[in-house]
N, C-alpha and C. Protein backbone atom coordinates (compact mmCIF):
# COMPACT_ATOMS: atom_id res chain seq x y z
N MET A 1 54.32 129.95 96.60
CA MET A 1 55.46 129.11 96.69
C MET A 1 56.69 129.55 96.55
N SER A 2 58.17 129.63 97.30
CA SER A 2 59.54 129.40 96.95
C SER A 2 59.99 128.28 96.35
N ASP A 3 60.75 128.14 95.14
CA ASP A 3 61.45 126.84 94.40
C ASP A 3 62.87 126.52 95.28
N GLU A 4 63.50 127.59 96.65
CA GLU A 4 64.32 127.65 96.97
C GLU A 4 64.18 126.31 98.16
N THR A 5 65.19 125.51 98.16
CA THR A 5 65.16 124.68 99.45
C THR A 5 66.33 125.26 100.10
N PRO A 6 66.10 124.78 101.71
CA PRO A 6 67.04 125.54 102.64
C PRO A 6 68.12 124.75 102.58
N MET A 7 69.17 125.14 102.52
CA MET A 7 70.70 124.55 102.25
C MET A 7 70.80 123.44 103.58
N PRO A 8 71.72 122.65 103.62
CA PRO A 8 72.08 122.24 104.69
C PRO A 8 73.18 122.93 105.59
N GLU A 9 73.25 122.59 107.03
CA GLU A 9 74.26 123.62 107.62
C GLU A 9 75.71 123.29 107.31
N ALA A 10 76.20 122.14 106.49
CA ALA A 10 77.42 121.95 106.26
C ALA A 10 77.98 122.52 104.87
N ALA A 11 76.70 122.62 104.11
CA ALA A 11 77.05 123.31 102.71
C ALA A 11 76.81 124.97 103.03
N ARG A 12 76.81 125.41 104.08
CA ARG A 12 76.71 126.90 104.22
C ARG A 12 77.57 127.34 104.67
N ARG A 13 78.66 126.48 105.25
CA ARG A 13 79.68 126.67 106.29
C ARG A 13 80.90 126.79 105.02
N ARG A 14 82.08 128.14 105.55
CA ARG A 14 82.92 128.46 104.50
C ARG A 14 84.08 127.48 104.82
N VAL A 15 84.93 127.18 103.96
CA VAL A 15 86.21 126.27 104.30
C VAL A 15 86.99 127.46 104.82
N SER A 16 87.55 127.66 105.71
CA SER A 16 88.55 128.65 105.96
C SER A 16 90.14 128.14 105.16
N PRO A 17 90.63 129.56 104.57
CA PRO A 17 92.00 129.22 103.60
C PRO A 17 92.84 128.37 104.47
N ARG A 18 93.20 128.17 106.17
CA ARG A 18 94.01 127.51 106.81
C ARG A 18 93.46 126.00 106.41
N ALA A 19 92.31 125.63 106.65
CA ALA A 19 91.72 124.09 106.29
C ALA A 19 92.43 123.47 104.98
N LEU A 20 91.70 124.60 103.73
CA LEU A 20 92.02 124.49 102.74
C LEU A 20 93.64 124.09 102.41
N ALA A 21 94.72 125.12 102.73
CA ALA A 21 95.87 124.64 102.80
C ALA A 21 96.33 123.51 103.13
N GLU A 22 96.28 123.28 104.36
CA GLU A 22 96.65 122.09 105.08
C GLU A 22 95.72 120.65 104.59
N ASN A 23 94.72 120.88 104.11
CA ASN A 23 94.54 119.61 102.99
C ASN A 23 94.90 119.24 101.87
N ILE A 24 95.23 120.66 101.28
CA ILE A 24 96.00 120.36 100.01
C ILE A 24 97.50 119.69 100.34
N ALA A 25 98.15 120.32 101.13
CA ALA A 25 99.63 119.98 101.44
C ALA A 25 99.71 118.63 102.05
N THR A 26 98.42 117.99 102.64
CA THR A 26 98.58 116.64 103.11
C THR A 26 98.71 116.08 101.77
N VAL A 27 97.78 116.22 101.01
CA VAL A 27 97.97 115.41 99.86
C VAL A 27 99.05 115.34 99.14
N LEU A 28 99.44 116.73 98.83
CA LEU A 28 100.62 116.61 98.00
C LEU A 28 101.93 116.06 99.25
N ILE A 29 101.67 116.18 100.16
CA ILE A 29 102.86 115.25 100.95
C ILE A 29 102.72 113.72 100.55
N ALA A 30 101.68 113.32 100.97
CA ALA A 30 101.21 111.66 100.30
C ALA A 30 101.60 111.37 98.69
N LEU A 31 101.02 112.20 98.14
CA LEU A 31 101.38 112.21 96.90
C LEU A 31 102.74 112.06 96.77
N GLY A 32 103.58 112.50 96.98
CA GLY A 32 105.11 112.52 97.19
C GLY A 32 105.51 111.29 97.82
N VAL A 33 105.21 110.67 98.81
CA VAL A 33 105.68 110.17 99.42
C VAL A 33 105.02 108.35 98.47
N VAL A 34 104.04 108.41 97.83
CA VAL A 34 103.55 107.39 96.77
C VAL A 34 104.70 107.42 95.56
N MET A 35 104.97 108.54 95.02
CA MET A 35 105.64 108.46 94.13
C MET A 35 107.29 108.09 94.77
N LEU A 36 107.49 108.20 95.50
CA LEU A 36 108.96 107.96 96.19
C LEU A 36 109.13 106.59 96.13
N MET A 37 108.25 105.62 96.34
CA MET A 37 107.88 104.12 96.65
C MET A 37 107.56 103.14 95.54
N GLN A 38 106.77 104.04 94.42
CA GLN A 38 106.13 102.99 93.51
C GLN A 38 107.89 102.80 92.44
N PRO A 39 107.90 101.41 92.16
CA PRO A 39 108.90 100.75 91.48
C PRO A 39 108.96 100.91 90.08
N LEU A 40 107.94 101.91 89.17
CA LEU A 40 107.25 101.94 87.87
C LEU A 40 108.40 102.92 86.77
N SER A 41 108.08 104.21 87.52
CA SER A 41 108.34 105.18 86.70
C SER A 41 109.84 106.04 87.54
N LEU A 42 110.82 105.95 86.71
CA LEU A 42 111.97 106.98 87.20
C LEU A 42 111.88 108.41 87.24
N THR A 43 110.60 109.13 86.35
CA THR A 43 109.74 110.38 86.04
C THR A 43 109.52 110.69 87.68
N LEU A 44 108.91 109.75 88.20
CA LEU A 44 107.79 109.99 89.17
C LEU A 44 108.68 110.34 90.55
N TYR A 45 109.93 109.24 90.29
CA TYR A 45 110.80 109.11 91.47
C TYR A 45 111.40 110.13 91.50
N SER A 46 111.80 110.66 90.67
CA SER A 46 112.75 111.99 90.17
C SER A 46 111.85 112.99 90.64
N TYR A 47 110.69 113.36 90.40
CA TYR A 47 109.68 114.47 91.22
C TYR A 47 109.10 114.53 92.17
N SER A 48 109.47 113.24 92.89
CA SER A 48 108.63 112.76 94.43
C SER A 48 109.37 113.84 95.32
N PHE A 49 110.64 114.23 95.40
CA PHE A 49 111.32 115.32 96.32
C PHE A 49 110.72 116.62 96.05
N VAL A 50 110.47 116.85 94.93
CA VAL A 50 110.01 118.01 94.54
C VAL A 50 108.18 118.31 95.22
N VAL A 51 107.70 117.29 95.09
CA VAL A 51 106.26 117.53 95.54
C VAL A 51 105.99 117.24 96.89
N THR A 52 107.20 116.49 97.64
CA THR A 52 107.02 116.64 98.95
C THR A 52 107.24 117.69 99.71
N LEU A 53 108.42 118.18 98.99
CA LEU A 53 108.89 119.75 99.72
C LEU A 53 107.93 120.61 99.47
N ALA A 54 107.29 120.61 98.35
CA ALA A 54 106.22 121.52 97.90
C ALA A 54 105.08 121.78 98.64
N GLY A 55 104.44 120.29 99.19
CA GLY A 55 103.27 119.91 100.39
C GLY A 55 104.21 120.55 101.32
N THR A 56 105.45 120.13 102.11
CA THR A 56 105.63 120.38 103.71
C THR A 56 105.87 122.44 103.38
N VAL A 57 106.01 122.86 102.50
CA VAL A 57 106.23 124.18 102.64
C VAL A 57 104.88 124.66 102.66
N LEU A 58 104.25 124.32 101.85
CA LEU A 58 102.63 124.89 101.96
C LEU A 58 102.04 124.29 103.39
N PHE A 59 102.27 123.19 103.69
CA PHE A 59 101.73 123.11 105.36
C PHE A 59 102.00 124.05 105.99
N VAL A 60 103.66 124.21 106.17
CA VAL A 60 104.02 125.28 106.93
C VAL A 60 103.55 126.61 107.14
N ILE A 61 103.53 127.38 105.51
CA ILE A 61 103.39 128.23 105.20
C ILE A 61 101.29 128.54 105.43
N GLY A 62 100.67 127.57 105.37
CA GLY A 62 99.04 127.36 105.50
C GLY A 62 98.67 127.19 107.04
N SER A 63 99.51 126.96 107.98
CA SER A 63 99.75 126.39 109.32
C SER A 63 99.36 127.99 109.91
N LYS A 64 100.03 129.19 109.17
CA LYS A 64 100.21 130.42 109.73
C LYS A 64 98.85 131.02 109.52
N PHE A 65 97.88 131.05 108.50
CA PHE A 65 96.97 131.46 108.33
C PHE A 65 95.89 131.50 109.10
N PRO A 66 94.73 132.31 109.39
CA PRO A 66 94.18 132.49 110.50
C PRO A 66 92.98 131.61 109.90
N GLU A 67 91.99 130.96 111.38
CA GLU A 67 91.11 130.19 111.17
C GLU A 67 90.08 130.79 110.54
């Protein structure tokens, strides 16, 4: 008897580099916007543009990856 259980279909699928880059970029953009709108920390506000820009650049570059 084998101890291996069959993996579900979703666990067997590989994540494409494009999907991974777009998901990370989306999180970075959302994080940058939250950092921009929070009223508590001037440091977070100061880095919000850089984080949003990094997410935007990653999204543009990641959208060129093959699926």
